[in-house]
C-alpha atoms as a PDB file:
ATOM      1  CA  MET A   1      -0.888  22.787   8.445  1.00  0.00           C
ATOM      2  CA  LEU A   2       2.805  21.959   8.933  1.00  0.00           C
ATOM      3  CA  ASN A   3       4.065  19.013  10.955  1.00  0.00           C
ATOM      4  CA  GLU A   4       6.907  20.591  12.905  1.00  0.00           C
ATOM      5  CA  ILE A   5       9.742  18.327  13.992  1.00  0.00           C
ATOM      6  CA  LYS A   6      13.062  18.951  15.725  1.00  0.00           C
ATOM      7  CA  VAL A   7      16.174  17.057  14.669  1.00  0.00           C
ATOM      8  CA  GLY A   8      17.820  15.079  17.460  1.00  0.00           C
ATOM      9  CA  PRO A   9      16.841  13.845  20.926  1.00  0.00           C
ATOM     10  CA  GLN A  10      14.991  16.061  23.361  1.00  0.00           C
ATOM     11  CA  PHE A  11      14.845  15.789  27.117  1.00  0.00           C
ATOM     12  CA  GLY A  12      11.890  16.774  29.265  1.00  0.00           C
ATOM     13  CA  GLY A  13      10.250  15.788  32.509  1.00  0.00           C
ATOM     14  CA  ASP A  14       6.807  14.277  32.925  1.00  0.00           C
ATOM     15  CA  GLY A  15       4.142  16.682  31.697  1.00  0.00           C
ATOM     16  CA  ALA A  16       6.539  18.745  29.583  1.00  0.00           C
ATOM     17  CA  SER A  17       5.628  19.657  25.987  1.00  0.00           C
ATOM     18  CA  VAL A  18       8.200  18.935  23.271  1.00  0.00           C
ATOM     19  CA  ILE A  19       8.274  19.066  19.479  1.00  0.00           C
ATOM     20  CA  ALA A  20       8.144  15.767  17.567  1.00  0.00           C
ATOM     21  CA  ARG A  21      11.618  14.323  17.000  1.00  0.00           C
ATOM     22  CA  GLY A  22      13.132  14.052  13.513  1.00  0.00           C
ATOM     23  CA  ASP A  23      16.326  12.777  11.933  1.00  0.00           C
ATOM     24  CA  LYS A  24      18.688  14.660   9.629  1.00  0.00           C
ATOM     25  CA  SER A  25      16.696  13.580   6.560  1.00  0.00           C
ATOM     26  CA  GLY A  26      13.573  15.277   7.907  1.00  0.00           C
ATOM     27  CA  SER A  27      11.810  11.988   8.739  1.00  0.00           C
ATOM     28  CA  GLN A  28       9.910  11.698  12.004  1.00  0.00           C
ATOM     29  CA  VAL A  29      11.485   9.339  14.538  1.00  0.00           C
ATOM     30  CA  VAL A  30       9.176   7.006  16.491  1.00  0.00           C
ATOM     31  CA  THR A  31      10.405   4.746  19.296  1.00  0.00           C
ATOM     32  CA  LYS A  32       8.723   2.056  21.358  1.00  0.00           C
ATOM     33  CA  ALA A  33       7.726   2.850  24.903  1.00  0.00           C
ATOM     34  CA  HIS A  34       6.975  -0.802  25.717  1.00  0.00           C
ATOM     35  CA  GLY A  35       7.038  -4.295  24.195  1.00  0.00           C
ATOM     36  CA  ASP A  36       5.005  -5.166  21.114  1.00  0.00           C
ATOM     37  CA  TRP A  37       2.107  -6.764  22.994  1.00  0.00           C
ATOM     38  CA  PHE A  38       2.170  -4.581  26.116  1.00  0.00           C
ATOM     39  CA  GLU A  39      -0.965  -2.559  25.365  1.00  0.00           C
ATOM     40  CA  PRO A  40      -3.328  -5.466  24.443  1.00  0.00           C
ATOM     41  CA  SER A  41      -1.889  -7.601  27.258  1.00  0.00           C
ATOM     42  CA  LEU A  42      -2.434  -4.801  29.759  1.00  0.00           C
ATOM     43  CA  ARG A  43      -6.070  -4.659  28.617  1.00  0.00           C
ATOM     44  CA  GLY A  44      -6.403  -8.415  29.219  1.00  0.00           C
ATOM     45  CA  ASN A  45      -6.935  -9.239  25.542  1.00  0.00           C
ATOM     46  CA  VAL A  46      -3.950 -11.539  24.857  1.00  0.00           C
ATOM     47  CA  PHE A  47      -4.215 -15.274  25.556  1.00  0.00           C
ATOM     48  CA  MET A  48      -2.289 -18.493  25.055  1.00  0.00           C
ATOM     49  CA  ALA A  49      -3.713 -21.911  24.164  1.00  0.00           C
ATOM     50  CA  HIS A  50      -1.424 -24.901  24.696  1.00  0.00           C
ATOM     51  CA  ALA A  51      -1.994 -28.447  23.449  1.00  0.00           C
ATOM     52  CA  ILE A  52      -0.083 -31.722  23.675  1.00  0.00           C
ATOM     53  CA  VAL A  53      -0.806 -33.343  20.307  1.00  0.00           C
ATOM     54  CA  THR A  54      -0.051 -36.911  19.259  1.00  0.00           C
ATOM     55  CA  ALA A  55       0.443 -37.472  15.513  1.00  0.00           C
ATOM     56  CA  PRO A  56      -0.711 -34.079  14.158  1.00  0.00           C
ATOM     57  CA  VAL A  57      -2.951 -34.818  11.161  1.00  0.00           C
ATOM     58  CA  VAL A  58      -2.525 -33.546   7.607  1.00  0.00           C
ATOM     59  CA  TYR A  59      -4.307 -30.263   6.946  1.00  0.00           C
ATOM     60  CA  THR A  60      -6.614 -31.846   4.335  1.00  0.00           C
ATOM     61  CA  THR A  61      -8.232 -34.007   7.041  1.00  0.00           C
ATOM     62  CA  ALA A  62     -11.231 -32.439   8.787  1.00  0.00           C
ATOM     63  CA  ALA A  63     -11.345 -35.138  11.494  1.00  0.00           C
ATOM     64  CA  GLY A  64      -9.001 -34.770  14.428  1.00  0.00           C
ATOM     65  CA  THR A  65      -7.616 -31.390  13.397  1.00  0.00           C
ATOM     66  CA  GLY A  66      -5.315 -29.775  15.916  1.00  0.00           C
ATOM     67  CA  GLY A  67      -3.967 -28.324  17.714  1.00  0.00           C
ATOM     68  CA  PRO A  68      -4.531 -26.073  19.383  1.00  0.00           C
ATOM     69  CA  LEU A  69      -7.750 -25.684  17.457  1.00  0.00           C
ATOM     70  CA  LEU A  70      -9.288 -22.221  17.931  1.00  0.00           C
ATOM     71  CA  TRP A  71     -12.931 -21.550  17.071  1.00  0.00           C
ATOM     72  CA  ASN A  72     -14.489 -18.102  17.084  1.00  0.00           C
ATOM     73  CA  GLY A  73     -18.084 -18.774  18.068  1.00  0.00           C
ATOM     74  CA  THR A  74     -18.786 -15.114  18.861  1.00  0.00           C
ATOM     75  CA  ASN A  75     -20.505 -12.519  16.708  1.00  0.00           C
ATOM     76  CA  ASN A  76     -18.578  -9.556  18.113  1.00  0.00           C
ATOM     77  CA  LYS A  77     -14.888 -10.559  18.234  1.00  0.00           C
ATOM     78  CA  LEU A  78     -11.963 -11.092  15.904  1.00  0.00           C
ATOM     79  CA  CYS A  79      -9.156 -13.447  16.875  1.00  0.00           C
ATOM     80  CA  SER A  80      -5.706 -12.320  15.705  1.00  0.00           C
ATOM     81  CA  LEU A  81      -2.845 -14.848  15.812  1.00  0.00           C
ATOM     82  CA  LEU A  82       0.307 -13.246  17.225  1.00  0.00           C
ATOM     83  CA  ALA A  83       2.764 -16.128  17.608  1.00  0.00           C
ATOM     84  CA  VAL A  84       3.133 -19.906  17.588  1.00  0.00           C
ATOM     85  CA  GLY A  85       5.645 -22.222  19.211  1.00  0.00           C
ATOM     86  CA  PHE A  86       6.322 -25.951  19.339  1.00  0.00           C
ATOM     87  CA  GLY A  87       8.644 -28.637  20.611  1.00  0.00           C
ATOM     88  CA  SER A  88       8.782 -32.419  20.210  1.00  0.00           C
ATOM     89  CA  SER A  89       9.050 -35.049  22.935  1.00  0.00           C
ATOM     90  CA  VAL A  90       8.549 -38.090  20.639  1.00  0.00           C
ATOM     91  CA  VAL A  91       9.814 -38.113  17.054  1.00  0.00           C
ATOM     92  CA  THR A  92       7.716 -38.752  13.987  1.00  0.00           C
ATOM     93  CA  THR A  93       8.196 -41.672  11.601  1.00  0.00           C
ATOM     94  CA  VAL A  94       6.939 -39.453   8.760  1.00  0.00           C
ATOM     95  CA  ALA A  95       8.740 -36.181   8.050  1.00  0.00           C
ATOM     96  CA  ALA A  96       6.329 -33.258   7.943  1.00  0.00           C
ATOM     97  CA  SER A  97       6.048 -29.516   8.193  1.00  0.00           C
ATOM     98  CA  LEU A  98       3.862 -27.821  10.784  1.00  0.00           C
ATOM     99  CA  GLY A  99       1.792 -24.843   9.753  1.00  0.00           C
ATOM    100  CA  ILE A 100      -1.386 -22.862  10.287  1.00  0.00           C
ATOM    101  CA  THR A 101      -4.623 -23.987   8.669  1.00  0.00           C
ATOM    102  CA  GLY A 102      -8.202 -22.749   8.933  1.00  0.00           C
ATOM    103  CA  ASN A 103     -11.511 -22.217   7.221  1.00  0.00           C
ATOM    104  CA  SER A 104     -14.937 -20.609   7.397  1.00  0.00           C
ATOM    105  CA  GLY A 105     -18.413 -22.137   7.665  1.00  0.00           C
ATOM    106  CA  GLN A 106     -18.042 -23.292  11.283  1.00  0.00           C
ATOM    107  CA  THR A 107     -21.418 -22.066  12.553  1.00  0.00           C
ATOM    108  CA  THR A 108     -21.397 -24.499  15.484  1.00  0.00           C
ATOM    109  CA  ALA A 109     -18.538 -25.766  17.609  1.00  0.00           C
ATOM    110  CA  PRO A 110     -16.248 -28.454  16.188  1.00  0.00           C
ATOM    111  CA  THR A 111     -17.318 -31.977  17.125  1.00  0.00           C
ATOM    112  CA  THR A 112     -15.447 -34.930  18.648  1.00  0.00           C
ATOM    113  CA  THR A 113     -13.244 -32.526  20.561  1.00  0.00           C
ATOM    114  CA  THR A 114     -10.784 -33.204  23.337  1.00  0.00           C
ATOM    115  CA  ALA A 115     -10.098 -30.641  26.023  1.00  0.00           C
ATOM    116  CA  ILE A 116      -7.324 -28.113  25.559  1.00  0.00           C
ATOM    117  CA  ASP A 117      -4.395 -28.692  27.903  1.00  0.00           C
ATOM    118  CA  SER A 118      -4.357 -25.053  28.980  1.00  0.00           C
ATOM    119  CA  GLN A 119      -5.864 -21.740  27.930  1.00  0.00           C
ATOM    120  CA  ARG A 120      -5.019 -18.628  29.902  1.00  0.00           C
ATOM    121  CA  SER A 121      -4.761 -14.869  29.833  1.00  0.00           C
ATOM    122  CA  LEU A 122      -1.222 -13.494  29.554  1.00  0.00           C
ATOM    123  CA  TYR A 123      -2.324 -10.826  31.996  1.00  0.00           C
ATOM    124  CA  ILE A 124      -1.837 -13.015  35.058  1.00  0.00           C
ATOM    125  CA  GLY A 125      -5.154 -13.353  36.857  1.00  0.00           C
ATOM    126  CA  GLY A 126      -6.980 -11.762  33.914  1.00  0.00           C
ATOM    127  CA  GLN A 127     -10.348 -12.576  32.387  1.00  0.00           C
ATOM    128  CA  GLN A 128     -11.110 -15.800  30.545  1.00  0.00           C
ATOM    129  CA  SER A 129     -10.894 -15.985  26.766  1.00  0.00           C
ATOM    130  CA  VAL A 130     -14.187 -16.095  24.860  1.00  0.00           C
ATOM    131  CA  ILE A 131     -12.516 -17.884  21.924  1.00  0.00           C
ATOM    132  CA  SER A 132     -13.036 -21.643  22.234  1.00  0.00           C
ATOM    133  CA  ALA A 133      -9.857 -23.734  22.259  1.00  0.00           C
ATOM    134  CA  PHE A 134      -9.577 -27.509  21.878  1.00  0.00           C
ATOM    135  CA  ARG A 135      -6.664 -29.911  21.760  1.00  0.00           C
ATOM    136  CA  ILE A 136      -8.175 -31.475  18.627  1.00  0.00           C
ATOM    137  CA  GLY A 137     -11.594 -31.593  16.979  1.00  0.00           C
ATOM    138  CA  THR A 138     -13.489 -32.345  13.794  1.00  0.00           C
ATOM    139  CA  VAL A 139     -14.320 -29.278  11.702  1.00  0.00           C
ATOM    140  CA  ALA A 140     -17.029 -28.747   9.091  1.00  0.00           C
ATOM    141  CA  ASN A 141     -14.597 -27.893   6.300  1.00  0.00           C
ATOM    142  CA  ALA A 142     -10.926 -28.872   6.094  1.00  0.00           C
ATOM    143  CA  GLY A 143      -8.587 -25.939   5.668  1.00  0.00           C
ATOM    144  CA  ASN A 144      -5.612 -24.923   3.548  1.00  0.00           C
ATOM    145  CA  PHE A 145      -1.944 -25.030   4.518  1.00  0.00           C
ATOM    146  CA  PHE A 146      -1.266 -21.314   4.287  1.00  0.00           C
ATOM    147  CA  MET A 147       1.511 -20.603   6.774  1.00  0.00           C
ATOM    148  CA  PRO A 148       4.171 -23.303   7.379  1.00  0.00           C
ATOM    149  CA  PHE A 149       6.439 -22.424  10.304  1.00  0.00           C
ATOM    150  CA  GLY A 150       8.341 -25.555  11.410  1.00  0.00           C
ATOM    151  CA  GLN A 151       9.702 -28.957  10.519  1.00  0.00           C
ATOM    152  CA  LEU A 152       9.335 -32.353  12.220  1.00  0.00           C
ATOM    153  CA  HIS A 153      12.306 -34.683  11.651  1.00  0.00           C
ATOM    154  CA  THR A 154      12.476 -38.480  11.830  1.00  0.00           C
ATOM    155  CA  GLY A 155      15.888 -38.498  13.545  1.00  0.00           C
ATOM    156  CA  ALA A 156      16.309 -39.408  17.207  1.00  0.00           C
ATOM    157  CA  LEU A 157      15.755 -36.597  19.682  1.00  0.00           C
ATOM    158  CA  THR A 158      19.231 -37.217  21.124  1.00  0.00           C
ATOM    159  CA  VAL A 159      20.874 -36.245  17.833  1.00  0.00           C
ATOM    160  CA  ASP A 160      18.324 -33.875  16.276  1.00  0.00           C
ATOM    161  CA  ASN A 161      19.620 -30.318  16.410  1.00  0.00           C
ATOM    162  CA  THR A 162      16.371 -28.639  15.371  1.00  0.00           C
ATOM    163  CA  GLY A 163      14.630 -26.536  17.980  1.00  0.00           C
ATOM    164  CA  THR A 164      12.433 -23.498  18.114  1.00  0.00           C
ATOM    165  CA  ALA A 165      10.868 -21.047  20.491  1.00  0.00           C
ATOM    166  CA  TRP A 166       8.102 -18.573  19.659  1.00  0.00           C
ATOM    167  CA  ILE A 167       7.654 -17.697  15.992  1.00  0.00           C
ATOM    168  CA  PRO A 168       5.990 -14.314  15.395  1.00  0.00           C
ATOM    169  CA  LEU A 169       2.916 -14.240  13.150  1.00  0.00           C
ATOM    170  CA  HIS A 170       2.369 -10.495  13.638  1.00  0.00           C
ATOM    171  CA  GLY A 171      -1.426 -10.798  13.481  1.00  0.00           C
ATOM    172  CA  ALA A 172      -1.281 -11.973   9.851  1.00  0.00           C
ATOM    173  CA  VAL A 173      -3.939 -14.637  10.451  1.00  0.00           C
ATOM    174  CA  ILE A 174      -7.402 -13.433  11.524  1.00  0.00           C
ATOM    175  CA  ILE A 175     -10.222 -15.729  12.697  1.00  0.00           C
ATOM    176  CA  PRO A 176     -13.538 -13.913  12.059  1.00  0.00           C
ATOM    177  CA  PRO A 177     -16.798 -15.011  13.717  1.00  0.00           C
ATOM    178  CA  PHE A 178     -17.812 -18.605  12.959  1.00  0.00           C
ATOM    179  CA  CYS A 179     -14.426 -19.501  11.523  1.00  0.00           C
ATOM    180  CA  TRP A 180     -11.562 -21.574  12.926  1.00  0.00           C
ATOM    181  CA  ALA A 181      -7.782 -21.910  12.734  1.00  0.00           C
ATOM    182  CA  SER A 182      -5.402 -24.550  13.969  1.00  0.00           C
ATOM    183  CA  VAL A 183      -1.932 -25.995  13.721  1.00  0.00           C
ATOM    184  CA  ALA A 184      -1.785 -28.943  11.317  1.00  0.00           C
ATOM    185  CA  ALA A 185       0.855 -30.888   9.388  1.00  0.00           C
ATOM    186  CA  SER A 186       1.753 -31.258   5.725  1.00  0.00           C
ATOM    187  CA  ALA A 187       1.508 -35.045   6.211  1.00  0.00           C
ATOM    188  CA  THR A 188       0.184 -36.996   9.190  1.00  0.00           C
ATOM    189  CA  ALA A 189       3.152 -37.003  11.572  1.00  0.00           C
ATOM    190  CA  THR A 190       2.775 -40.592  12.785  1.00  0.00           C
ATOM    191  CA  THR A 191       3.970 -41.245  16.377  1.00  0.00           C
ATOM    192  CA  ALA A 192       5.014 -37.607  16.917  1.00  0.00           C
ATOM    193  CA  VAL A 193       4.170 -36.011  20.248  1.00  0.00           C
ATOM    194  CA  CYS A 194       4.346 -32.225  20.143  1.00  0.00           C
ATOM    195  CA  GLN A 195       3.871 -29.437  22.636  1.00  0.00           C
ATOM    196  CA  ILE A 196       2.269 -26.620  20.635  1.00  0.00           C
ATOM    197  CA  GLY A 197       1.146 -23.177  21.724  1.00  0.00           C
ATOM    198  CA  ILE A 198      -0.645 -20.297  20.021  1.00  0.00           C
ATOM    199  CA  ILE A 199      -0.665 -16.736  21.363  1.00  0.00           C
ATOM    200  CA  TYR A 200      -3.628 -14.693  20.159  1.00  0.00           C
ATOM    201  CA  GLU A 201      -5.458 -11.430  20.736  1.00  0.00           C
ATOM    202  CA  GLU A 202      -9.200 -10.884  21.003  1.00  0.00           C
ATOM    203  CA  ILE A 203     -10.341  -7.693  19.269  1.00  0.00           C
ATOM    204  CA  ASN A 204     -13.829  -6.198  19.521  1.00  0.00           C
ATOM    205  CA  LEU A 205     -15.683  -5.731  16.229  1.00  0.00           C
END
């Protein structure tokens, strides 16, 4: 069976049949119809958890991990991390990197938790997330520092020129059932106050 393609753009109205488009090398050309997260967001499966964290702890510390701290307490969902973002409102006295941490073996919810500041569907008015989100909590097993994404400086906010928006993770980190993931620091970022958000997708097993 041959895959027939036609070199160059084609124009047709709704309902028209056209041949797949190719380029002059014979490769098939594929273009986006919508944004990267349009389809899962339209289905109500994309969510954001937002936490205001004081002094993010080092990733090797199980107590007070966060945040946001996401726990998958389901037996029928995967949680795929799509993006993370942060900003600082109070500087740290200890320079540190921020990154993603996580581990398995979390058969019950983390303990000594504090409530997440917000958790919402990115389909406005959509269903609630089934993934549990906390500002911070104590996990059964401390994680590893496997995806650093930002830096906290000790300089004054009035002169610090570091800033960030959303950093794509492209679904590289997956939280299976009874596992957790969180933002943590490479060293306890004493006195820092950070606004941190994680965008994630829930996927049926």
